[in-house]
Amino acid sequence: MALRQAGVTDTTVLSAIERTPRELFVPDAFQDQAWENIALPIDLGQTISQPLIVGLMTQALELNPRHLVLEVGTGSGYQAAILSRLCRRVFTIERLKPLLAEAEGRFRALRLDNVTTRHGDGTRGWPEQAPFARVLVTAAGGADPPKDLTDQLAVGGVMIIPLGGDHRDQKVVRFRRTDSGLTREDLWPVRFVPLLSDPPQQVRPA
């Protein structure tokens, strides 16, 4: 009800959120806050977005059950789990291997068989599976979206990405690919962790 009152009106999105146990994606220390409408820390300095932002960004994608969706930034796996209930297949990329391993375990526990994962640089997309009907980026880019990602967006496709050179001045932006190029629509202000390229180097013990 709180999400509906705050602007998430798509009943299929609300149903997907209702059927996805957020407590499974939240660290033990924050279990008592799992269903509060707040962002929470997860491992390696990352966060799980507040349910309202997940709902609004998912709704803004305008999904249907035939879509192939690329998600950049698996994180806890919560957003991918929501997407998986609304589209044909989710391809999700995470640059931090420990986070990805935990997310994969959650996908297995929930029997989400239409989620395919990759460890790597999300800014490069997933060219072997392109083009995508929908692209969702869950970390903040700079002034413009990565060209590899927009190049992998199908004609008629939609990309949702937070953009902004300064973390205090980020906006969720919706791009649509037409025959003649991209159209841009600024949606609402947010704060996301930065979108980084290239997986970090594994630190070897001395």
N, C-alpha and C. Protein backbone atom coordinates (compact mmCIF):
# COMPACT_ATOMS: atom_id res chain seq x y z
N MET A 1 0.83 -1.21 0.00
CA MET A 1 0.00 0.00 0.00
C MET A 1 0.86 1.26 0.00
N ALA A 2 1.95 1.22 0.77
CA ALA A 2 2.83 2.40 0.83
C ALA A 2 3.46 2.68 -0.53
N LEU A 3 3.86 1.61 -1.24
CA LEU A 3 4.46 1.79 -2.56
C LEU A 3 3.42 2.34 -3.54
N ARG A 4 2.21 1.84 -3.45
CA ARG A 4 1.15 2.31 -4.35
C ARG A 4 0.90 3.81 -4.12
N GLN A 5 0.84 4.20 -2.86
CA GLN A 5 0.59 5.61 -2.53
C GLN A 5 1.74 6.50 -2.99
N ALA A 6 2.95 5.92 -3.08
CA ALA A 6 4.13 6.70 -3.46
C ALA A 6 4.36 6.72 -4.98
N GLY A 7 3.47 6.06 -5.74
CA GLY A 7 3.57 6.17 -7.18
C GLY A 7 3.81 4.89 -7.95
N VAL A 8 3.99 3.75 -7.25
CA VAL A 8 4.12 2.47 -7.95
C VAL A 8 2.71 1.92 -8.16
N THR A 9 2.19 2.14 -9.35
CA THR A 9 0.79 1.80 -9.61
C THR A 9 0.62 0.56 -10.49
N ASP A 10 1.69 0.09 -11.10
CA ASP A 10 1.63 -1.09 -11.97
C ASP A 10 1.41 -2.33 -11.10
N THR A 11 0.27 -2.98 -11.27
CA THR A 11 -0.08 -4.11 -10.39
C THR A 11 0.85 -5.29 -10.57
N THR A 12 1.40 -5.48 -11.79
CA THR A 12 2.33 -6.59 -11.98
C THR A 12 3.64 -6.35 -11.22
N VAL A 13 4.09 -5.09 -11.18
CA VAL A 13 5.30 -4.75 -10.42
C VAL A 13 5.05 -4.93 -8.93
N LEU A 14 3.91 -4.46 -8.45
CA LEU A 14 3.58 -4.61 -7.03
C LEU A 14 3.50 -6.08 -6.65
N SER A 15 2.93 -6.90 -7.51
CA SER A 15 2.82 -8.34 -7.24
C SER A 15 4.20 -8.98 -7.19
N ALA A 16 5.11 -8.59 -8.11
CA ALA A 16 6.47 -9.15 -8.11
C ALA A 16 7.21 -8.80 -6.83
N ILE A 17 7.04 -7.57 -6.35
CA ILE A 17 7.68 -7.15 -5.09
C ILE A 17 7.09 -7.93 -3.92
N GLU A 18 5.78 -8.10 -3.95
CA GLU A 18 5.11 -8.82 -2.87
C GLU A 18 5.57 -10.27 -2.78
N ARG A 19 5.88 -10.88 -3.94
CA ARG A 19 6.25 -12.30 -3.97
C ARG A 19 7.74 -12.54 -3.79
N THR A 20 8.51 -11.48 -3.62
CA THR A 20 9.96 -11.63 -3.50
C THR A 20 10.39 -11.28 -2.07
N PRO A 21 10.87 -12.24 -1.30
CA PRO A 21 11.18 -12.01 0.12
C PRO A 21 12.44 -11.17 0.31
N ARG A 22 12.26 -9.87 0.56
CA ARG A 22 13.42 -8.97 0.66
C ARG A 22 14.36 -9.39 1.79
N GLU A 23 13.81 -10.02 2.83
CA GLU A 23 14.66 -10.42 3.95
C GLU A 23 15.75 -11.41 3.52
N LEU A 24 15.52 -12.14 2.43
CA LEU A 24 16.52 -13.08 1.93
C LEU A 24 17.74 -12.36 1.36
N PHE A 25 17.58 -11.08 1.00
CA PHE A 25 18.63 -10.32 0.34
C PHE A 25 19.34 -9.33 1.28
N VAL A 26 18.90 -9.30 2.53
CA VAL A 26 19.39 -8.31 3.49
C VAL A 26 20.29 -9.01 4.51
N PRO A 27 21.44 -8.42 4.87
CA PRO A 27 22.32 -9.04 5.88
C PRO A 27 21.60 -9.28 7.21
N ASP A 28 22.09 -10.27 7.94
CA ASP A 28 21.45 -10.65 9.21
C ASP A 28 21.29 -9.46 10.16
N ALA A 29 22.28 -8.58 10.18
CA ALA A 29 22.26 -7.45 11.12
C ALA A 29 21.10 -6.49 10.86
N PHE A 30 20.51 -6.56 9.67
CA PHE A 30 19.45 -5.61 9.31
C PHE A 30 18.11 -6.30 9.06
N GLN A 31 17.97 -7.54 9.53
CA GLN A 31 16.74 -8.28 9.27
C GLN A 31 15.50 -7.56 9.80
N ASP A 32 15.64 -6.85 10.93
CA ASP A 32 14.47 -6.16 11.49
C ASP A 32 14.02 -4.99 10.63
N GLN A 33 14.87 -4.58 9.66
CA GLN A 33 14.52 -3.46 8.78
C GLN A 33 14.27 -3.91 7.34
N ALA A 34 14.19 -5.21 7.14
CA ALA A 34 14.14 -5.75 5.77
C ALA A 34 12.95 -5.22 4.97
N TRP A 35 11.83 -4.95 5.62
CA TRP A 35 10.65 -4.51 4.90
C TRP A 35 10.36 -3.02 5.09
N GLU A 36 11.33 -2.30 5.65
CA GLU A 36 11.16 -0.84 5.72
C GLU A 36 11.57 -0.23 4.38
N ASN A 37 10.99 0.92 4.07
CA ASN A 37 11.26 1.56 2.78
C ASN A 37 12.53 2.40 2.86
N ILE A 38 13.66 1.70 3.07
CA ILE A 38 14.96 2.37 3.16
C ILE A 38 16.00 1.52 2.44
N ALA A 39 17.06 2.18 1.96
CA ALA A 39 18.21 1.45 1.43
C ALA A 39 19.00 0.88 2.62
N LEU A 40 19.62 -0.27 2.41
CA LEU A 40 20.39 -0.91 3.49
C LEU A 40 21.75 -1.33 2.95
N PRO A 41 22.79 -1.29 3.83
CA PRO A 41 24.11 -1.73 3.39
C PRO A 41 24.17 -3.24 3.21
N ILE A 42 24.93 -3.67 2.17
CA ILE A 42 25.28 -5.07 2.03
C ILE A 42 26.80 -5.14 2.02
N ASP A 43 27.38 -6.26 1.66
CA ASP A 43 28.84 -6.41 1.74
C ASP A 43 29.56 -5.51 0.73
N LEU A 44 30.85 -5.29 1.00
CA LEU A 44 31.78 -4.63 0.07
C LEU A 44 31.36 -3.21 -0.29
N GLY A 45 30.75 -2.53 0.68
CA GLY A 45 30.44 -1.12 0.50
C GLY A 45 29.27 -0.84 -0.43
N GLN A 46 28.50 -1.87 -0.77
CA GLN A 46 27.36 -1.70 -1.67
C GLN A 46 26.06 -1.60 -0.87
N THR A 47 24.96 -1.35 -1.56
CA THR A 47 23.67 -1.22 -0.88
C THR A 47 22.59 -2.00 -1.63
N ILE A 48 21.51 -2.30 -0.92
CA ILE A 48 20.28 -2.78 -1.53
C ILE A 48 19.33 -1.59 -1.53
N SER A 49 18.81 -1.25 -2.70
CA SER A 49 17.98 -0.05 -2.84
C SER A 49 16.70 -0.17 -2.04
N GLN A 50 16.13 0.99 -1.69
CA GLN A 50 14.85 0.98 -0.99
C GLN A 50 13.77 0.44 -1.93
N PRO A 51 12.78 -0.27 -1.40
CA PRO A 51 11.74 -0.87 -2.24
C PRO A 51 11.05 0.13 -3.16
N LEU A 52 10.87 1.37 -2.71
CA LEU A 52 10.21 2.36 -3.56
C LEU A 52 11.01 2.60 -4.84
N ILE A 53 12.33 2.76 -4.72
CA ILE A 53 13.16 3.00 -5.90
C ILE A 53 13.15 1.79 -6.82
N VAL A 54 13.23 0.58 -6.24
CA VAL A 54 13.15 -0.64 -7.04
C VAL A 54 11.82 -0.67 -7.81
N GLY A 55 10.74 -0.34 -7.11
CA GLY A 55 9.41 -0.35 -7.74
C GLY A 55 9.29 0.67 -8.85
N LEU A 56 9.76 1.89 -8.59
CA LEU A 56 9.64 2.96 -9.58
C LEU A 56 10.51 2.68 -10.81
N MET A 57 11.75 2.22 -10.59
CA MET A 57 12.64 1.94 -11.72
C MET A 57 12.12 0.76 -12.55
N THR A 58 11.60 -0.25 -11.87
CA THR A 58 11.04 -1.41 -12.58
C THR A 58 9.82 -0.97 -13.39
N GLN A 59 8.97 -0.19 -12.79
CA GLN A 59 7.78 0.31 -13.48
C GLN A 59 8.15 1.14 -14.71
N ALA A 60 9.21 1.95 -14.57
CA ALA A 60 9.63 2.83 -15.66
C ALA A 60 10.16 2.05 -16.86
N LEU A 61 10.55 0.79 -16.64
CA LEU A 61 11.04 -0.04 -17.76
C LEU A 61 9.92 -0.47 -18.71
N GLU A 62 8.68 -0.46 -18.22
CA GLU A 62 7.53 -0.87 -19.05
C GLU A 62 7.74 -2.28 -19.60
N LEU A 63 7.90 -3.23 -18.68
CA LEU A 63 8.24 -4.61 -19.05
C LEU A 63 7.04 -5.39 -19.57
N ASN A 64 7.34 -6.39 -20.42
CA ASN A 64 6.33 -7.41 -20.71
C ASN A 64 7.02 -8.78 -20.71
N PRO A 65 6.23 -9.86 -20.65
CA PRO A 65 6.81 -11.19 -20.45
C PRO A 65 7.71 -11.69 -21.58
N ARG A 66 7.76 -11.00 -22.72
CA ARG A 66 8.61 -11.44 -23.83
C ARG A 66 10.01 -10.83 -23.78
N HIS A 67 10.22 -9.86 -22.93
CA HIS A 67 11.45 -9.08 -22.98
C HIS A 67 12.69 -9.83 -22.48
N LEU A 68 13.81 -9.57 -23.15
CA LEU A 68 15.13 -9.91 -22.63
C LEU A 68 15.68 -8.65 -21.98
N VAL A 69 16.12 -8.77 -20.72
CA VAL A 69 16.54 -7.60 -19.94
C VAL A 69 17.99 -7.76 -19.53
N LEU A 70 18.77 -6.70 -19.71
CA LEU A 70 20.13 -6.63 -19.19
C LEU A 70 20.12 -5.78 -17.93
N GLU A 71 20.65 -6.34 -16.84
CA GLU A 71 20.83 -5.56 -15.61
C GLU A 71 22.32 -5.40 -15.36
N VAL A 72 22.74 -4.18 -15.12
CA VAL A 72 24.13 -3.88 -14.80
C VAL A 72 24.20 -3.56 -13.30
N GLY A 73 24.88 -4.44 -12.55
CA GLY A 73 24.99 -4.27 -11.11
C GLY A 73 24.07 -5.21 -10.35
N THR A 74 24.45 -6.49 -10.25
CA THR A 74 23.60 -7.48 -9.59
C THR A 74 23.41 -7.16 -8.11
N GLY A 75 24.51 -6.77 -7.44
CA GLY A 75 24.44 -6.48 -6.01
C GLY A 75 23.92 -7.66 -5.23
N SER A 76 22.91 -7.44 -4.41
CA SER A 76 22.32 -8.51 -3.60
C SER A 76 21.53 -9.50 -4.44
N GLY A 77 21.11 -9.05 -5.64
CA GLY A 77 20.25 -9.88 -6.48
C GLY A 77 18.78 -9.55 -6.38
N TYR A 78 18.43 -8.62 -5.48
CA TYR A 78 17.01 -8.31 -5.24
C TYR A 78 16.33 -7.76 -6.49
N GLN A 79 16.96 -6.77 -7.14
CA GLN A 79 16.34 -6.18 -8.33
C GLN A 79 16.20 -7.22 -9.45
N ALA A 80 17.21 -8.05 -9.64
CA ALA A 80 17.13 -9.09 -10.67
C ALA A 80 16.00 -10.07 -10.38
N ALA A 81 15.80 -10.39 -9.11
CA ALA A 81 14.72 -11.30 -8.73
C ALA A 81 13.35 -10.70 -9.08
N ILE A 82 13.19 -9.41 -8.84
CA ILE A 82 11.95 -8.73 -9.22
C ILE A 82 11.77 -8.79 -10.74
N LEU A 83 12.82 -8.43 -11.48
CA LEU A 83 12.74 -8.43 -12.94
C LEU A 83 12.39 -9.80 -13.48
N SER A 84 12.94 -10.85 -12.85
CA SER A 84 12.76 -12.20 -13.38
C SER A 84 11.29 -12.63 -13.39
N ARG A 85 10.49 -12.02 -12.54
CA ARG A 85 9.06 -12.36 -12.47
C ARG A 85 8.24 -11.61 -13.52
N LEU A 86 8.90 -10.71 -14.26
CA LEU A 86 8.17 -9.82 -15.17
C LEU A 86 8.61 -9.93 -16.62
N CYS A 87 9.67 -10.70 -16.91
CA CYS A 87 10.20 -10.75 -18.27
C CYS A 87 10.61 -12.18 -18.60
N ARG A 88 11.06 -12.38 -19.85
CA ARG A 88 11.43 -13.73 -20.28
C ARG A 88 12.75 -14.17 -19.67
N ARG A 89 13.78 -13.30 -19.72
CA ARG A 89 15.08 -13.65 -19.15
C ARG A 89 15.82 -12.40 -18.73
N VAL A 90 16.53 -12.52 -17.60
CA VAL A 90 17.37 -11.44 -17.10
C VAL A 90 18.83 -11.87 -17.23
N PHE A 91 19.63 -11.02 -17.86
CA PHE A 91 21.08 -11.20 -17.91
C PHE A 91 21.67 -10.14 -16.99
N THR A 92 22.32 -10.57 -15.91
CA THR A 92 22.78 -9.62 -14.90
C THR A 92 24.28 -9.74 -14.68
N ILE A 93 24.96 -8.59 -14.61
CA ILE A 93 26.42 -8.53 -14.52
C ILE A 93 26.83 -7.86 -13.21
N GLU A 94 27.83 -8.43 -12.53
CA GLU A 94 28.34 -7.87 -11.27
C GLU A 94 29.87 -7.91 -11.31
N ARG A 95 30.51 -6.82 -10.91
CA ARG A 95 31.97 -6.75 -10.94
C ARG A 95 32.62 -7.30 -9.67
N LEU A 96 31.85 -7.48 -8.60
CA LEU A 96 32.38 -7.98 -7.33
C LEU A 96 31.99 -9.45 -7.15
N LYS A 97 32.96 -10.33 -7.32
CA LYS A 97 32.68 -11.77 -7.36
C LYS A 97 31.99 -12.31 -6.10
N PRO A 98 32.40 -11.88 -4.88
CA PRO A 98 31.71 -12.41 -3.69
C PRO A 98 30.22 -12.05 -3.67
N LEU A 99 29.88 -10.84 -4.10
CA LEU A 99 28.46 -10.45 -4.15
C LEU A 99 27.71 -11.32 -5.14
N LEU A 100 28.32 -11.57 -6.29
CA LEU A 100 27.66 -12.36 -7.32
C LEU A 100 27.41 -13.78 -6.82
N ALA A 101 28.38 -14.36 -6.13
CA ALA A 101 28.21 -15.72 -5.62
C ALA A 101 27.04 -15.79 -4.64
N GLU A 102 26.92 -14.79 -3.78
CA GLU A 102 25.79 -14.76 -2.83
C GLU A 102 24.47 -14.61 -3.57
N ALA A 103 24.43 -13.74 -4.56
CA ALA A 103 23.20 -13.54 -5.33
C ALA A 103 22.79 -14.82 -6.05
N GLU A 104 23.78 -15.51 -6.62
CA GLU A 104 23.47 -16.76 -7.33
C GLU A 104 22.84 -17.78 -6.39
N GLY A 105 23.32 -17.83 -5.15
CA GLY A 105 22.73 -18.72 -4.16
C GLY A 105 21.27 -18.37 -3.88
N ARG A 106 20.97 -17.10 -3.84
CA ARG A 106 19.58 -16.66 -3.61
C ARG A 106 18.69 -17.01 -4.81
N PHE A 107 19.22 -16.84 -6.02
CA PHE A 107 18.44 -17.19 -7.20
C PHE A 107 18.10 -18.69 -7.19
N ARG A 108 19.08 -19.50 -6.78
CA ARG A 108 18.83 -20.95 -6.72
C ARG A 108 17.78 -21.26 -5.66
N ALA A 109 17.89 -20.61 -4.50
CA ALA A 109 16.95 -20.86 -3.41
C ALA A 109 15.52 -20.51 -3.82
N LEU A 110 15.38 -19.46 -4.63
CA LEU A 110 14.05 -19.03 -5.08
C LEU A 110 13.64 -19.69 -6.40
N ARG A 111 14.52 -20.56 -6.95
CA ARG A 111 14.25 -21.28 -8.20
C ARG A 111 13.93 -20.32 -9.34
N LEU A 112 14.75 -19.30 -9.43
CA LEU A 112 14.61 -18.32 -10.51
C LEU A 112 15.46 -18.79 -11.69
N ASP A 113 14.90 -19.64 -12.51
CA ASP A 113 15.67 -20.29 -13.57
C ASP A 113 15.90 -19.40 -14.78
N ASN A 114 15.28 -18.23 -14.82
CA ASN A 114 15.44 -17.36 -15.99
C ASN A 114 16.39 -16.19 -15.72
N VAL A 115 17.28 -16.36 -14.74
CA VAL A 115 18.32 -15.36 -14.46
C VAL A 115 19.67 -15.95 -14.83
N THR A 116 20.40 -15.27 -15.74
CA THR A 116 21.73 -15.68 -16.15
C THR A 116 22.72 -14.62 -15.66
N THR A 117 23.81 -15.07 -15.02
CA THR A 117 24.73 -14.14 -14.37
C THR A 117 26.09 -14.13 -15.06
N ARG A 118 26.82 -13.02 -14.84
CA ARG A 118 28.18 -12.92 -15.34
C ARG A 118 28.99 -12.04 -14.39
N HIS A 119 30.24 -12.46 -14.14
CA HIS A 119 31.19 -11.63 -13.39
C HIS A 119 31.98 -10.82 -14.40
N GLY A 120 31.93 -9.50 -14.28
CA GLY A 120 32.67 -8.70 -15.24
C GLY A 120 32.31 -7.23 -15.18
N ASP A 121 32.74 -6.52 -16.20
CA ASP A 121 32.56 -5.07 -16.30
C ASP A 121 31.21 -4.78 -16.95
N GLY A 122 30.27 -4.34 -16.13
CA GLY A 122 28.92 -4.10 -16.64
C GLY A 122 28.83 -2.99 -17.65
N THR A 123 29.78 -2.05 -17.64
CA THR A 123 29.70 -0.94 -18.58
C THR A 123 29.89 -1.41 -20.02
N ARG A 124 30.42 -2.62 -20.18
CA ARG A 124 30.61 -3.17 -21.53
C ARG A 124 29.40 -3.98 -22.00
N GLY A 125 28.44 -4.15 -21.12
CA GLY A 125 27.24 -4.89 -21.48
C GLY A 125 27.50 -6.36 -21.70
N TRP A 126 26.66 -6.97 -22.52
CA TRP A 126 26.73 -8.41 -22.77
C TRP A 126 26.50 -8.61 -24.27
N PRO A 127 27.51 -8.28 -25.09
CA PRO A 127 27.28 -8.21 -26.54
C PRO A 127 26.78 -9.50 -27.16
N GLU A 128 27.16 -10.65 -26.59
CA GLU A 128 26.74 -11.93 -27.18
C GLU A 128 25.22 -12.12 -27.12
N GLN A 129 24.57 -11.48 -26.17
CA GLN A 129 23.12 -11.64 -26.00
C GLN A 129 22.32 -10.45 -26.54
N ALA A 130 23.02 -9.41 -26.98
CA ALA A 130 22.34 -8.21 -27.48
C ALA A 130 21.67 -8.51 -28.83
N PRO A 131 20.65 -7.70 -29.22
CA PRO A 131 20.17 -6.51 -28.51
C PRO A 131 19.16 -6.87 -27.41
N PHE A 132 19.04 -5.95 -26.46
CA PHE A 132 18.12 -6.11 -25.35
C PHE A 132 16.93 -5.17 -25.51
N ALA A 133 15.75 -5.69 -25.15
CA ALA A 133 14.56 -4.84 -25.17
C ALA A 133 14.59 -3.83 -24.04
N ARG A 134 15.24 -4.23 -22.94
CA ARG A 134 15.30 -3.34 -21.77
C ARG A 134 16.69 -3.45 -21.13
N VAL A 135 17.20 -2.32 -20.65
CA VAL A 135 18.46 -2.28 -19.92
C VAL A 135 18.23 -1.47 -18.64
N LEU A 136 18.63 -2.05 -17.51
CA LEU A 136 18.50 -1.37 -16.22
C LEU A 136 19.87 -1.31 -15.57
N VAL A 137 20.31 -0.12 -15.22
CA VAL A 137 21.60 0.07 -14.56
C VAL A 137 21.33 0.52 -13.13
N THR A 138 21.91 -0.20 -12.17
CA THR A 138 21.61 0.07 -10.76
C THR A 138 22.79 0.72 -10.04
N ALA A 139 23.58 1.49 -10.80
CA ALA A 139 24.65 2.32 -10.24
C ALA A 139 24.71 3.57 -11.09
N ALA A 140 25.26 4.64 -10.53
CA ALA A 140 25.17 5.94 -11.19
C ALA A 140 26.33 6.17 -12.14
N GLY A 141 25.98 6.44 -13.41
CA GLY A 141 26.98 6.81 -14.40
C GLY A 141 27.31 8.29 -14.30
N GLY A 142 28.08 8.78 -15.26
CA GLY A 142 28.44 10.20 -15.28
C GLY A 142 27.34 11.01 -15.95
N ALA A 143 27.75 11.91 -16.83
CA ALA A 143 26.77 12.76 -17.50
C ALA A 143 25.99 11.99 -18.56
N ASP A 144 26.62 10.96 -19.14
CA ASP A 144 25.99 10.20 -20.22
C ASP A 144 26.12 8.71 -19.95
N PRO A 145 25.21 7.90 -20.50
CA PRO A 145 25.31 6.45 -20.30
C PRO A 145 26.47 5.87 -21.10
N PRO A 146 27.04 4.74 -20.68
CA PRO A 146 28.11 4.10 -21.45
C PRO A 146 27.63 3.74 -22.85
N LYS A 147 28.46 4.04 -23.85
CA LYS A 147 28.06 3.82 -25.25
C LYS A 147 27.83 2.34 -25.54
N ASP A 148 28.62 1.45 -24.92
CA ASP A 148 28.41 0.02 -25.15
C ASP A 148 27.00 -0.40 -24.77
N LEU A 149 26.47 0.21 -23.71
CA LEU A 149 25.12 -0.15 -23.26
C LEU A 149 24.06 0.39 -24.21
N THR A 150 24.18 1.64 -24.61
CA THR A 150 23.17 2.19 -25.52
C THR A 150 23.23 1.48 -26.88
N ASP A 151 24.44 1.06 -27.30
CA ASP A 151 24.56 0.33 -28.56
C ASP A 151 23.86 -1.03 -28.51
N GLN A 152 23.72 -1.60 -27.31
CA GLN A 152 23.10 -2.92 -27.17
C GLN A 152 21.60 -2.84 -26.91
N LEU A 153 21.04 -1.64 -26.95
CA LEU A 153 19.61 -1.44 -26.76
C LEU A 153 18.90 -1.56 -28.10
N ALA A 154 17.90 -2.43 -28.17
CA ALA A 154 17.16 -2.65 -29.41
C ALA A 154 16.35 -1.41 -29.79
N VAL A 155 16.06 -1.28 -31.09
CA VAL A 155 15.14 -0.23 -31.52
C VAL A 155 13.78 -0.48 -30.86
N GLY A 156 13.22 0.57 -30.28
CA GLY A 156 12.00 0.42 -29.49
C GLY A 156 12.28 0.10 -28.03
N GLY A 157 13.56 -0.09 -27.70
CA GLY A 157 13.94 -0.48 -26.35
C GLY A 157 14.01 0.69 -25.38
N VAL A 158 14.06 0.36 -24.09
CA VAL A 158 14.10 1.34 -23.00
C VAL A 158 15.27 1.04 -22.08
N MET A 159 16.02 2.07 -21.73
CA MET A 159 17.08 1.96 -20.73
C MET A 159 16.75 2.89 -19.57
N ILE A 160 16.90 2.38 -18.35
CA ILE A 160 16.76 3.18 -17.13
C ILE A 160 18.12 3.20 -16.44
N ILE A 161 18.64 4.41 -16.19
CA ILE A 161 19.96 4.54 -15.58
C ILE A 161 20.04 5.82 -14.75
N PRO A 162 20.61 5.76 -13.53
CA PRO A 162 20.89 6.99 -12.79
C PRO A 162 22.11 7.68 -13.40
N LEU A 163 22.02 8.98 -13.63
CA LEU A 163 23.13 9.74 -14.19
C LEU A 163 23.39 11.00 -13.38
N GLY A 164 24.64 11.43 -13.39
CA GLY A 164 25.01 12.67 -12.71
C GLY A 164 26.47 12.64 -12.34
N GLY A 165 27.18 13.71 -12.66
CA GLY A 165 28.60 13.75 -12.35
C GLY A 165 28.89 13.86 -10.87
N ASP A 166 27.92 14.32 -10.09
CA ASP A 166 28.08 14.53 -8.66
C ASP A 166 27.02 13.71 -7.93
N HIS A 167 27.43 13.01 -6.85
CA HIS A 167 26.47 12.14 -6.16
C HIS A 167 25.30 12.92 -5.55
N ARG A 168 25.46 14.22 -5.41
CA ARG A 168 24.37 15.04 -4.86
C ARG A 168 23.43 15.52 -5.96
N ASP A 169 23.76 15.20 -7.19
CA ASP A 169 22.97 15.70 -8.31
C ASP A 169 22.72 14.57 -9.31
N GLN A 170 22.20 13.45 -8.81
CA GLN A 170 21.88 12.31 -9.67
C GLN A 170 20.38 12.31 -10.00
N LYS A 171 20.07 11.85 -11.21
CA LYS A 171 18.68 11.67 -11.61
C LYS A 171 18.55 10.33 -12.30
N VAL A 172 17.41 9.67 -12.09
CA VAL A 172 17.08 8.51 -12.91
C VAL A 172 16.62 9.03 -14.26
N VAL A 173 17.22 8.46 -15.32
CA VAL A 173 16.93 8.91 -16.69
C VAL A 173 16.41 7.72 -17.49
N ARG A 174 15.41 7.99 -18.32
CA ARG A 174 14.89 6.96 -19.23
C ARG A 174 15.27 7.32 -20.67
N PHE A 175 15.97 6.40 -21.32
CA PHE A 175 16.29 6.54 -22.73
C PHE A 175 15.43 5.57 -23.54
N ARG A 176 14.97 6.04 -24.68
CA ARG A 176 14.28 5.17 -25.63
C ARG A 176 15.05 5.20 -26.94
N ARG A 177 15.27 4.02 -27.52
CA ARG A 177 15.94 3.97 -28.83
C ARG A 177 14.89 3.97 -29.93
N THR A 178 15.01 4.93 -30.82
CA THR A 178 14.16 5.01 -32.00
C THR A 178 15.01 4.73 -33.24
N ASP A 179 14.38 4.70 -34.39
CA ASP A 179 15.13 4.49 -35.64
C ASP A 179 16.17 5.57 -35.86
N SER A 180 15.91 6.75 -35.31
CA SER A 180 16.82 7.88 -35.57
C SER A 180 17.79 8.17 -34.42
N GLY A 181 17.73 7.39 -33.33
CA GLY A 181 18.66 7.62 -32.22
C GLY A 181 18.02 7.44 -30.87
N LEU A 182 18.51 8.19 -29.87
CA LEU A 182 18.04 8.06 -28.50
C LEU A 182 17.25 9.30 -28.09
N THR A 183 16.16 9.09 -27.36
CA THR A 183 15.47 10.19 -26.70
C THR A 183 15.69 10.07 -25.20
N ARG A 184 15.76 11.20 -24.51
CA ARG A 184 16.07 11.22 -23.08
C ARG A 184 14.95 11.88 -22.30
N GLU A 185 14.64 11.26 -21.14
CA GLU A 185 13.61 11.80 -20.25
C GLU A 185 14.13 11.71 -18.81
N ASP A 186 14.33 12.85 -18.14
CA ASP A 186 14.75 12.85 -16.74
C ASP A 186 13.55 12.56 -15.86
N LEU A 187 13.70 11.63 -14.91
CA LEU A 187 12.56 11.19 -14.11
C LEU A 187 12.55 11.75 -12.69
N TRP A 188 13.48 11.35 -11.81
CA TRP A 188 13.44 11.84 -10.43
C TRP A 188 14.84 11.75 -9.83
N PRO A 189 15.11 12.55 -8.78
CA PRO A 189 16.43 12.53 -8.14
C PRO A 189 16.65 11.27 -7.30
N VAL A 190 17.89 10.80 -7.27
CA VAL A 190 18.26 9.60 -6.49
C VAL A 190 19.69 9.75 -6.00
N ARG A 191 20.13 8.78 -5.19
CA ARG A 191 21.54 8.63 -4.83
C ARG A 191 21.91 7.17 -4.95
N PHE A 192 22.83 6.88 -5.87
CA PHE A 192 23.30 5.51 -6.08
C PHE A 192 24.82 5.46 -5.92
N VAL A 193 25.32 4.26 -5.65
CA VAL A 193 26.77 4.06 -5.67
C VAL A 193 27.24 4.27 -7.12
N PRO A 194 28.52 4.65 -7.32
CA PRO A 194 28.98 4.95 -8.68
C PRO A 194 29.10 3.71 -9.56
N LEU A 195 28.86 3.91 -10.84
CA LEU A 195 29.05 2.86 -11.84
C LEU A 195 30.54 2.80 -12.19
N LEU A 196 31.17 1.65 -11.90
CA LEU A 196 32.60 1.50 -12.12
C LEU A 196 32.85 0.46 -13.20
N SER A 197 33.94 0.63 -13.92
CA SER A 197 34.30 -0.34 -14.96
C SER A 197 35.47 -1.18 -14.49
N ASP A 198 35.63 -2.32 -15.17
CA ASP A 198 36.72 -3.27 -14.90
C ASP A 198 36.62 -3.87 -13.49
N PRO A 199 36.49 -5.19 -13.40
CA PRO A 199 36.46 -5.84 -12.09
C PRO A 199 37.71 -5.51 -11.29
N PRO A 200 37.58 -5.29 -9.98
CA PRO A 200 38.77 -5.00 -9.18
C PRO A 200 39.71 -6.18 -9.16
N GLN A 201 40.99 -5.90 -9.01
CA GLN A 201 41.98 -6.98 -8.94
C GLN A 201 41.81 -7.76 -7.65
N GLN A 202 41.93 -9.08 -7.76
CA GLN A 202 41.90 -9.91 -6.56
C GLN A 202 43.19 -9.69 -5.75
N VAL A 203 43.05 -9.41 -4.47
CA VAL A 203 44.21 -9.19 -3.63
C VAL A 203 44.75 -10.55 -3.17
N ARG A 204 46.01 -10.79 -3.46
CA ARG A 204 46.61 -12.06 -3.05
C ARG A 204 47.24 -11.90 -1.68
N PRO A 205 47.06 -12.92 -0.82
CA PRO A 205 47.67 -12.84 0.49
C PRO A 205 49.19 -12.81 0.40
N ALA A 206 49.80 -12.06 1.31
CA ALA A 206 51.28 -11.92 1.29
C ALA A 206 51.91 -13.26 1.67
